Amino acid sequence: KAIDHAAARQATLVLALLGHGFIAGDDPTLYFMAPDSA
């Protein structure tokens, strides 16, 4: 929704993610955890 909103107004999107994150095994991809994530 924030991406759509920024695109409609030709805005820069400033996004901050705070909390827990993990990578799966040796894959360096970051996953941001929701309240019930495992």
PDB file of all heavy atoms in Angstrom:
ATOM      1  N   LYS A   1       0.840  -1.206   0.000  1.00  0.00           N
ATOM      2  CA  LYS A   1       0.000   0.000   0.000  1.00  0.00           C
ATOM      3  C   LYS A   1       0.871   1.250   0.000  1.00  0.00           C
ATOM      4  O   LYS A   1       0.572   2.239  -0.677  1.00  0.00           O
ATOM      5  CB  LYS A   1      -0.923   0.000   1.218  1.00  0.00           C
ATOM      6  CG  LYS A   1      -2.095  -0.950   1.133  1.00  0.00           C
ATOM      7  CD  LYS A   1      -2.942  -0.876   2.397  1.00  0.00           C
ATOM      8  CE  LYS A   1      -4.080  -1.881   2.360  1.00  0.00           C
ATOM      9  NZ  LYS A   1      -4.859  -1.846   3.634  1.00  0.00           N
ATOM     10  N   ALA A   2       1.944   1.216   0.778  1.00  0.00           N
ATOM     11  CA  ALA A   2       2.855   2.357   0.831  1.00  0.00           C
ATOM     12  C   ALA A   2       3.548   2.564  -0.508  1.00  0.00           C
ATOM     13  O   ALA A   2       3.763   3.711  -0.939  1.00  0.00           O
ATOM     14  CB  ALA A   2       3.886   2.154   1.941  1.00  0.00           C
ATOM     15  N   ILE A   3       3.901   1.469  -1.188  1.00  0.00           N
ATOM     16  CA  ILE A   3       4.506   1.582  -2.518  1.00  0.00           C
ATOM     17  C   ILE A   3       3.521   2.222  -3.488  1.00  0.00           C
ATOM     18  O   ILE A   3       3.863   3.144  -4.248  1.00  0.00           O
ATOM     19  CB  ILE A   3       4.958   0.201  -3.022  1.00  0.00           C
ATOM     20  CG1 ILE A   3       6.106  -0.338  -2.158  1.00  0.00           C
ATOM     21  CG2 ILE A   3       5.384   0.271  -4.495  1.00  0.00           C
ATOM     22  CD1 ILE A   3       6.472  -1.795  -2.459  1.00  0.00           C
ATOM     23  N   ASP A   4       2.278   1.752  -3.489  1.00  0.00           N
ATOM     24  CA  ASP A   4       1.254   2.324  -4.360  1.00  0.00           C
ATOM     25  C   ASP A   4       1.061   3.809  -4.083  1.00  0.00           C
ATOM     26  O   ASP A   4       0.937   4.628  -4.995  1.00  0.00           O
ATOM     27  CB  ASP A   4      -0.083   1.602  -4.159  1.00  0.00           C
ATOM     28  CG  ASP A   4      -0.087   0.175  -4.687  1.00  0.00           C
ATOM     29  OD1 ASP A   4       0.806  -0.153  -5.495  1.00  0.00           O
ATOM     30  OD2 ASP A   4      -0.980  -0.599  -4.294  1.00  0.00           O
ATOM     31  N   HIS A   5       1.007   4.145  -2.796  1.00  0.00           N
ATOM     32  CA  HIS A   5       0.782   5.538  -2.379  1.00  0.00           C
ATOM     33  C   HIS A   5       1.931   6.438  -2.839  1.00  0.00           C
ATOM     34  O   HIS A   5       1.709   7.546  -3.339  1.00  0.00           O
ATOM     35  CB  HIS A   5       0.632   5.570  -0.861  1.00  0.00           C
ATOM     36  CG  HIS A   5       0.091   6.843  -0.316  1.00  0.00           C
ATOM     37  ND1 HIS A   5      -0.996   7.497  -0.859  1.00  0.00           N
ATOM     38  CD2 HIS A   5       0.489   7.597   0.753  1.00  0.00           C
ATOM     39  CE1 HIS A   5      -1.247   8.594  -0.147  1.00  0.00           C
ATOM     40  NE2 HIS A   5      -0.358   8.686   0.821  1.00  0.00           N
ATOM     41  N   ALA A   6       3.174   5.957  -2.677  1.00  0.00           N
ATOM     42  CA  ALA A   6       4.331   6.736  -3.118  1.00  0.00           C
ATOM     43  C   ALA A   6       4.351   6.879  -4.634  1.00  0.00           C
ATOM     44  O   ALA A   6       4.647   7.960  -5.169  1.00  0.00           O
ATOM     45  CB  ALA A   6       5.622   6.068  -2.631  1.00  0.00           C
ATOM     46  N   ALA A   7       4.023   5.804  -5.337  1.00  0.00           N
ATOM     47  CA  ALA A   7       4.030   5.850  -6.804  1.00  0.00           C
ATOM     48  C   ALA A   7       3.004   6.849  -7.333  1.00  0.00           C
ATOM     49  O   ALA A   7       3.270   7.571  -8.299  1.00  0.00           O
ATOM     50  CB  ALA A   7       3.749   4.460  -7.370  1.00  0.00           C
ATOM     51  N   ALA A   8       1.832   6.897  -6.701  1.00  0.00           N
ATOM     52  CA  ALA A   8       0.778   7.805  -7.151  1.00  0.00           C
ATOM     53  C   ALA A   8       1.177   9.261  -6.992  1.00  0.00           C
ATOM     54  O   ALA A   8       0.653  10.134  -7.695  1.00  0.00           O
ATOM     55  CB  ALA A   8      -0.514   7.531  -6.384  1.00  0.00           C
ATOM     56  N   ARG A   9       2.104   9.522  -6.075  1.00  0.00           N
ATOM     57  CA  ARG A   9       2.509  10.905  -5.793  1.00  0.00           C
ATOM     58  C   ARG A   9       3.957  11.179  -6.159  1.00  0.00           C
ATOM     59  O   ARG A   9       4.511  12.199  -5.779  1.00  0.00           O
ATOM     60  CB  ARG A   9       2.256  11.217  -4.315  1.00  0.00           C
ATOM     61  CG  ARG A   9       0.767  11.344  -4.032  1.00  0.00           C
ATOM     62  CD  ARG A   9       0.424  11.096  -2.583  1.00  0.00           C
ATOM     63  NE  ARG A   9      -1.018  11.256  -2.368  1.00  0.00           N
ATOM     64  CZ  ARG A   9      -1.927  10.343  -2.721  1.00  0.00           C
ATOM     65  NH1 ARG A   9      -1.534   9.227  -3.307  1.00  0.00           N
ATOM     66  NH2 ARG A   9      -3.207  10.554  -2.511  1.00  0.00           N
ATOM     67  N   GLN A  10       4.563  10.256  -6.880  1.00  0.00           N
ATOM     68  CA  GLN A  10       5.958  10.395  -7.308  1.00  0.00           C
ATOM     69  C   GLN A  10       6.856  10.733  -6.122  1.00  0.00           C
ATOM     70  O   GLN A  10       7.714  11.622  -6.187  1.00  0.00           O
ATOM     71  CB  GLN A  10       6.072  11.455  -8.415  1.00  0.00           C
ATOM     72  CG  GLN A  10       5.292  11.075  -9.666  1.00  0.00           C
ATOM     73  CD  GLN A  10       5.456  12.067 -10.781  1.00  0.00           C
ATOM     74  OE1 GLN A  10       5.751  13.238 -10.567  1.00  0.00           O
ATOM     75  NE2 GLN A  10       5.285  11.592 -12.005  1.00  0.00           N
ATOM     76  N   ALA A  11       6.654  10.010  -5.044  1.00  0.00           N
ATOM     77  CA  ALA A  11       7.378  10.263  -3.802  1.00  0.00           C
ATOM     78  C   ALA A  11       8.507   9.267  -3.594  1.00  0.00           C
ATOM     79  O   ALA A  11       8.479   8.147  -4.120  1.00  0.00           O
ATOM     80  CB  ALA A  11       6.412  10.200  -2.617  1.00  0.00           C
ATOM     81  N   THR A  12       9.472   9.675  -2.807  1.00  0.00           N
ATOM     82  CA  THR A  12      10.487   8.753  -2.302  1.00  0.00           C
ATOM     83  C   THR A  12       9.887   8.006  -1.115  1.00  0.00           C
ATOM     84  O   THR A  12       9.264   8.612  -0.243  1.00  0.00           O
ATOM     85  CB  THR A  12      11.741   9.525  -1.853  1.00  0.00           C
ATOM     86  OG1 THR A  12      12.334  10.164  -2.991  1.00  0.00           O
ATOM     87  CG2 THR A  12      12.767   8.591  -1.213  1.00  0.00           C
ATOM     88  N   LEU A  13      10.066   6.702  -1.079  1.00  0.00           N
ATOM     89  CA  LEU A  13       9.558   5.894   0.028  1.00  0.00           C
ATOM     90  C   LEU A  13      10.666   5.680   1.051  1.00  0.00           C
ATOM     91  O   LEU A  13      11.722   5.133   0.728  1.00  0.00           O
ATOM     92  CB  LEU A  13       9.054   4.545  -0.481  1.00  0.00           C
ATOM     93  CG  LEU A  13       8.547   3.573   0.597  1.00  0.00           C
ATOM     94  CD1 LEU A  13       7.369   4.164   1.357  1.00  0.00           C
ATOM     95  CD2 LEU A  13       8.171   2.233  -0.019  1.00  0.00           C
ATOM     96  N   VAL A  14      10.424   6.128   2.275  1.00  0.00           N
ATOM     97  CA  VAL A  14      11.342   5.906   3.390  1.00  0.00           C
ATOM     98  C   VAL A  14      10.720   4.806   4.250  1.00  0.00           C
ATOM     99  O   VAL A  14       9.650   5.004   4.842  1.00  0.00           O
ATOM    100  CB  VAL A  14      11.556   7.188   4.213  1.00  0.00           C
ATOM    101  CG1 VAL A  14      12.564   6.940   5.338  1.00  0.00           C
ATOM    102  CG2 VAL A  14      12.049   8.325   3.307  1.00  0.00           C
ATOM    103  N   LEU A  15      11.361   3.657   4.288  1.00  0.00           N
ATOM    104  CA  LEU A  15      10.817   2.482   4.964  1.00  0.00           C
ATOM    105  C   LEU A  15      11.759   2.047   6.080  1.00  0.00           C
ATOM    106  O   LEU A  15      12.963   1.890   5.856  1.00  0.00           O
ATOM    107  CB  LEU A  15      10.655   1.342   3.956  1.00  0.00           C
ATOM    108  CG  LEU A  15      10.196  -0.017   4.498  1.00  0.00           C
ATOM    109  CD1 LEU A  15       8.771   0.065   5.044  1.00  0.00           C
ATOM    110  CD2 LEU A  15      10.295  -1.080   3.403  1.00  0.00           C
ATOM    111  N   ALA A  16      11.223   1.868   7.281  1.00  0.00           N
ATOM    112  CA  ALA A  16      12.020   1.377   8.403  1.00  0.00           C
ATOM    113  C   ALA A  16      11.377   0.121   8.965  1.00  0.00           C
ATOM    114  O   ALA A  16      10.173   0.101   9.225  1.00  0.00           O
ATOM    115  CB  ALA A  16      12.144   2.444   9.487  1.00  0.00           C
ATOM    116  N   LEU A  17      12.187  -0.917   9.142  1.00  0.00           N
ATOM    117  CA  LEU A  17      11.732  -2.188   9.701  1.00  0.00           C
ATOM    118  C   LEU A  17      12.513  -2.461  10.982  1.00  0.00           C
ATOM    119  O   LEU A  17      13.748  -2.569  10.949  1.00  0.00           O
ATOM    120  CB  LEU A  17      11.940  -3.323   8.703  1.00  0.00           C
ATOM    121  CG  LEU A  17      11.227  -3.188   7.352  1.00  0.00           C
ATOM    122  CD1 LEU A  17      11.631  -4.327   6.423  1.00  0.00           C
ATOM    123  CD2 LEU A  17       9.716  -3.148   7.518  1.00  0.00           C
ATOM    124  N   LEU A  18      11.810  -2.563  12.102  1.00  0.00           N
ATOM    125  CA  LEU A  18      12.440  -2.767  13.398  1.00  0.00           C
ATOM    126  C   LEU A  18      11.896  -4.040  14.037  1.00  0.00           C
ATOM    127  O   LEU A  18      10.671  -4.224  14.085  1.00  0.00           O
ATOM    128  CB  LEU A  18      12.151  -1.596  14.345  1.00  0.00           C
ATOM    129  CG  LEU A  18      12.839  -0.246  14.122  1.00  0.00           C
ATOM    130  CD1 LEU A  18      12.391   0.417  12.830  1.00  0.00           C
ATOM    131  CD2 LEU A  18      12.547   0.688  15.299  1.00  0.00           C
ATOM    132  N   GLY A  19      12.780  -4.887  14.525  1.00  0.00           N
ATOM    133  CA  GLY A  19      12.324  -6.099  15.195  1.00  0.00           C
ATOM    134  C   GLY A  19      13.296  -7.240  15.009  1.00  0.00           C
ATOM    135  O   GLY A  19      14.509  -7.042  14.931  1.00  0.00           O
ATOM    136  N   HIS A  20      12.759  -8.445  14.929  1.00  0.00           N
ATOM    137  CA  HIS A  20      13.577  -9.639  14.752  1.00  0.00           C
ATOM    138  C   HIS A  20      13.700  -9.996  13.265  1.00  0.00           C
ATOM    139  O   HIS A  20      12.763  -9.782  12.483  1.00  0.00           O
ATOM    140  CB  HIS A  20      12.945 -10.834  15.471  1.00  0.00           C
ATOM    141  CG  HIS A  20      13.026 -10.738  16.964  1.00  0.00           C
ATOM    142  ND1 HIS A  20      14.199 -10.881  17.657  1.00  0.00           N
ATOM    143  CD2 HIS A  20      12.059 -10.513  17.896  1.00  0.00           C
ATOM    144  CE1 HIS A  20      13.965 -10.763  18.955  1.00  0.00           C
ATOM    145  NE2 HIS A  20      12.682 -10.536  19.125  1.00  0.00           N
ATOM    146  N   GLY A  21      14.856 -10.543  12.903  1.00  0.00           N
ATOM    147  CA  GLY A  21      15.053 -11.013  11.538  1.00  0.00           C
ATOM    148  C   GLY A  21      15.907 -12.263  11.543  1.00  0.00           C
ATOM    149  O   GLY A  21      16.696 -12.498  12.461  1.00  0.00           O
ATOM    150  N   PHE A  22      15.761 -13.091  10.501  1.00  0.00           N
ATOM    151  CA  PHE A  22      16.576 -14.298  10.413  1.00  0.00           C
ATOM    152  C   PHE A  22      16.982 -14.561   8.975  1.00  0.00           C
ATOM    153  O   PHE A  22      16.400 -14.021   8.024  1.00  0.00           O
ATOM    154  CB  PHE A  22      15.832 -15.516  10.977  1.00  0.00           C
ATOM    155  CG  PHE A  22      14.662 -15.994  10.149  1.00  0.00           C
ATOM    156  CD1 PHE A  22      14.848 -16.803   9.036  1.00  0.00           C
ATOM    157  CD2 PHE A  22      13.362 -15.640  10.496  1.00  0.00           C
ATOM    158  CE1 PHE A  22      13.775 -17.255   8.278  1.00  0.00           C
ATOM    159  CE2 PHE A  22      12.278 -16.091   9.752  1.00  0.00           C
ATOM    160  CZ  PHE A  22      12.482 -16.896   8.636  1.00  0.00           C
ATOM    161  N   ILE A  23      18.019 -15.378   8.827  1.00  0.00           N
ATOM    162  CA  ILE A  23      18.364 -15.952   7.531  1.00  0.00           C
ATOM    163  C   ILE A  23      18.165 -17.458   7.667  1.00  0.00           C
ATOM    164  O   ILE A  23      18.286 -18.009   8.759  1.00  0.00           O
ATOM    165  CB  ILE A  23      19.805 -15.619   7.107  1.00  0.00           C
ATOM    166  CG1 ILE A  23      20.807 -16.125   8.147  1.00  0.00           C
ATOM    167  CG2 ILE A  23      19.975 -14.136   6.875  1.00  0.00           C
ATOM    168  CD1 ILE A  23      22.262 -15.999   7.717  1.00  0.00           C
ATOM    169  N   ALA A  24      17.817 -18.120   6.579  1.00  0.00           N
ATOM    170  CA  ALA A  24      17.559 -19.556   6.613  1.00  0.00           C
ATOM    171  C   ALA A  24      18.819 -20.314   6.200  1.00  0.00           C
ATOM    172  O   ALA A  24      19.241 -20.251   5.037  1.00  0.00           O
ATOM    173  CB  ALA A  24      16.404 -19.915   5.687  1.00  0.00           C
ATOM    174  N   GLY A  25      19.442 -20.985   7.159  1.00  0.00           N
ATOM    175  CA  GLY A  25      20.659 -21.733   6.859  1.00  0.00           C
ATOM    176  C   GLY A  25      21.766 -20.816   6.379  1.00  0.00           C
ATOM    177  O   GLY A  25      22.067 -19.801   7.007  1.00  0.00           O
ATOM    178  N   ASP A  26      22.361 -21.157   5.241  1.00  0.00           N
ATOM    179  CA  ASP A  26      23.446 -20.358   4.680  1.00  0.00           C
ATOM    180  C   ASP A  26      22.967 -19.363   3.630  1.00  0.00           C
ATOM    181  O   ASP A  26      23.778 -18.651   3.023  1.00  0.00           O
ATOM    182  CB  ASP A  26      24.496 -21.274   4.047  1.00  0.00           C
ATOM    183  CG  ASP A  26      25.202 -22.138   5.086  1.00  0.00           C
ATOM    184  OD1 ASP A  26      25.399 -21.648   6.221  1.00  0.00           O
ATOM    185  OD2 ASP A  26      25.541 -23.292   4.759  1.00  0.00           O
ATOM    186  N   ASP A  27      21.664 -19.312   3.389  1.00  0.00           N
ATOM    187  CA  ASP A  27      21.094 -18.353   2.442  1.00  0.00           C
ATOM    188  C   ASP A  27      21.095 -16.976   3.107  1.00  0.00           C
ATOM    189  O   ASP A  27      20.472 -16.793   4.156  1.00  0.00           O
ATOM    190  CB  ASP A  27      19.671 -18.769   2.084  1.00  0.00           C
ATOM    191  CG  ASP A  27      19.032 -17.840   1.066  1.00  0.00           C
ATOM    192  OD1 ASP A  27      19.614 -16.771   0.762  1.00  0.00           O
ATOM    193  OD2 ASP A  27      17.932 -18.159   0.579  1.00  0.00           O
ATOM    194  N   PRO A  28      21.787 -15.968   2.537  1.00  0.00           N
ATOM    195  CA  PRO A  28      21.905 -14.677   3.197  1.00  0.00           C
ATOM    196  C   PRO A  28      20.668 -13.783   3.107  1.00  0.00           C
ATOM    197  O   PRO A  28      20.695 -12.640   3.550  1.00  0.00           O
ATOM    198  CB  PRO A  28      23.092 -14.032   2.479  1.00  0.00           C
ATOM    199  CG  PRO A  28      23.046 -14.623   1.099  1.00  0.00           C
ATOM    200  CD  PRO A  28      22.583 -16.043   1.291  1.00  0.00           C
ATOM    201  N   THR A  29      19.578 -14.283   2.537  1.00  0.00           N
ATOM    202  CA  THR A  29      18.368 -13.483   2.393  1.00  0.00           C
ATOM    203  C   THR A  29      17.754 -13.180   3.766  1.00  0.00           C
ATOM    204  O   THR A  29      17.543 -14.080   4.576  1.00  0.00           O
ATOM    205  CB  THR A  29      17.327 -14.227   1.539  1.00  0.00           C
ATOM    206  OG1 THR A  29      17.892 -14.497   0.256  1.00  0.00           O
ATOM    207  CG2 THR A  29      16.061 -13.398   1.366  1.00  0.00           C
ATOM    208  N   LEU A  30      17.434 -11.918   4.012  1.00  0.00           N
ATOM    209  CA  LEU A  30      16.855 -11.519   5.287  1.00  0.00           C
ATOM    210  C   LEU A  30      15.342 -11.703   5.285  1.00  0.00           C
ATOM    211  O   LEU A  30      14.653 -11.272   4.348  1.00  0.00           O
ATOM    212  CB  LEU A  30      17.166 -10.052   5.584  1.00  0.00           C
ATOM    213  CG  LEU A  30      16.479  -9.470   6.834  1.00  0.00           C
ATOM    214  CD1 LEU A  30      16.998 -10.130   8.107  1.00  0.00           C
ATOM    215  CD2 LEU A  30      16.643  -7.958   6.891  1.00  0.00           C
ATOM    216  N   TYR A  31      14.832 -12.289   6.368  1.00  0.00           N
ATOM    217  CA  TYR A  31      13.392 -12.400   6.588  1.00  0.00           C
ATOM    218  C   TYR A  31      13.027 -11.624   7.856  1.00  0.00           C
ATOM    219  O   TYR A  31      13.594 -11.868   8.927  1.00  0.00           O
ATOM    220  CB  TYR A  31      12.971 -13.865   6.722  1.00  0.00           C
ATOM    221  CG  TYR A  31      13.038 -14.611   5.408  1.00  0.00           C
ATOM    222  CD1 TYR A  31      14.230 -15.192   4.995  1.00  0.00           C
ATOM    223  CD2 TYR A  31      11.928 -14.696   4.567  1.00  0.00           C
ATOM    224  CE1 TYR A  31      14.311 -15.856   3.775  1.00  0.00           C
ATOM    225  CE2 TYR A  31      12.005 -15.350   3.353  1.00  0.00           C
ATOM    226  CZ  TYR A  31      13.184 -15.932   2.964  1.00  0.00           C
ATOM    227  OH  TYR A  31      13.267 -16.576   1.755  1.00  0.00           O
ATOM    228  N   PHE A  32      12.110 -10.694   7.714  1.00  0.00           N
ATOM    229  CA  PHE A  32      11.619  -9.886   8.833  1.00  0.00           C
ATOM    230  C   PHE A  32      10.456 -10.630   9.484  1.00  0.00           C
ATOM    231  O   PHE A  32       9.548 -11.108   8.796  1.00  0.00           O
ATOM    232  CB  PHE A  32      11.147  -8.526   8.296  1.00  0.00           C
ATOM    233  CG  PHE A  32      10.585  -7.592   9.329  1.00  0.00           C
ATOM    234  CD1 PHE A  32      11.365  -7.115  10.368  1.00  0.00           C
ATOM    235  CD2 PHE A  32       9.266  -7.166   9.229  1.00  0.00           C
ATOM    236  CE1 PHE A  32      10.843  -6.226  11.300  1.00  0.00           C
ATOM    237  CE2 PHE A  32       8.740  -6.285  10.155  1.00  0.00           C
ATOM    238  CZ  PHE A  32       9.527  -5.807  11.201  1.00  0.00           C
ATOM    239  N   MET A  33      10.481 -10.717  10.809  1.00  0.00           N
ATOM    240  CA  MET A  33       9.537 -11.579  11.512  1.00  0.00           C
ATOM    241  C   MET A  33       8.305 -10.813  12.000  1.00  0.00           C
ATOM    242  O   MET A  33       8.420  -9.778  12.661  1.00  0.00           O
ATOM    243  CB  MET A  33      10.231 -12.258  12.684  1.00  0.00           C
ATOM    244  CG  MET A  33      11.435 -13.089  12.254  1.00  0.00           C
ATOM    245  SD  MET A  33      12.257 -13.929  13.633  1.00  0.00           S
ATOM    246  CE  MET A  33      11.125 -15.308  13.901  1.00  0.00           C
ATOM    247  N   ALA A  34       7.136 -11.330  11.661  1.00  0.00           N
ATOM    248  CA  ALA A  34       5.865 -10.827  12.186  1.00  0.00           C
ATOM    249  C   ALA A  34       5.672 -11.420  13.591  1.00  0.00           C
ATOM    250  O   ALA A  34       6.462 -12.260  14.032  1.00  0.00           O
ATOM    251  CB  ALA A  34       4.725 -11.246  11.260  1.00  0.00           C
ATOM    252  N   PRO A  35       4.642 -11.003  14.335  1.00  0.00           N
ATOM    253  CA  PRO A  35       4.475 -11.491  15.710  1.00  0.00           C
ATOM    254  C   PRO A  35       4.444 -13.006  15.855  1.00  0.00           C
ATOM    255  O   PRO A  35       4.926 -13.530  16.862  1.00  0.00           O
ATOM    256  CB  PRO A  35       3.148 -10.857  16.127  1.00  0.00           C
ATOM    257  CG  PRO A  35       3.120  -9.566  15.384  1.00  0.00           C
ATOM    258  CD  PRO A  35       3.707  -9.892  14.045  1.00  0.00           C
ATOM    259  N   ASP A  36       3.900 -13.722  14.891  1.00  0.00           N
ATOM    260  CA  ASP A  36       3.784 -15.172  15.022  1.00  0.00           C
ATOM    261  C   ASP A  36       4.714 -15.944  14.091  1.00  0.00           C
ATOM    262  O   ASP A  36       4.522 -17.142  13.869  1.00  0.00           O
ATOM    263  CB  ASP A  36       2.336 -15.605  14.768  1.00  0.00           C
ATOM    264  CG  ASP A  36       1.374 -15.005  15.782  1.00  0.00           C
ATOM    265  OD1 ASP A  36       1.789 -14.839  16.945  1.00  0.00           O
ATOM    266  OD2 ASP A  36       0.233 -14.699  15.410  1.00  0.00           O
ATOM    267  N   SER A  37       5.727 -15.266  13.535  1.00  0.00           N
ATOM    268  CA  SER A  37       6.674 -15.956  12.649  1.00  0.00           C
ATOM    269  C   SER A  37       7.505 -16.964  13.436  1.00  0.00           C
ATOM    270  O   SER A  37       7.678 -16.846  14.656  1.00  0.00           O
ATOM    271  CB  SER A  37       7.617 -14.941  11.986  1.00  0.00           C
ATOM    272  OG  SER A  37       6.919 -14.064  11.129  1.00  0.00           O
ATOM    273  N   ALA A  38       8.041 -17.943  12.726  1.00  0.00           N
ATOM    274  CA  ALA A  38       8.929 -18.937  13.331  1.00  0.00           C
ATOM    275  C   ALA A  38      10.295 -18.832  12.668  1.00  0.00           C
ATOM    276  O   ALA A  38      10.395 -18.715  11.442  1.00  0.00           O
ATOM    277  CB  ALA A  38       8.361 -20.341  13.148  1.00  0.00           C
TER     278      ALA A  38
END
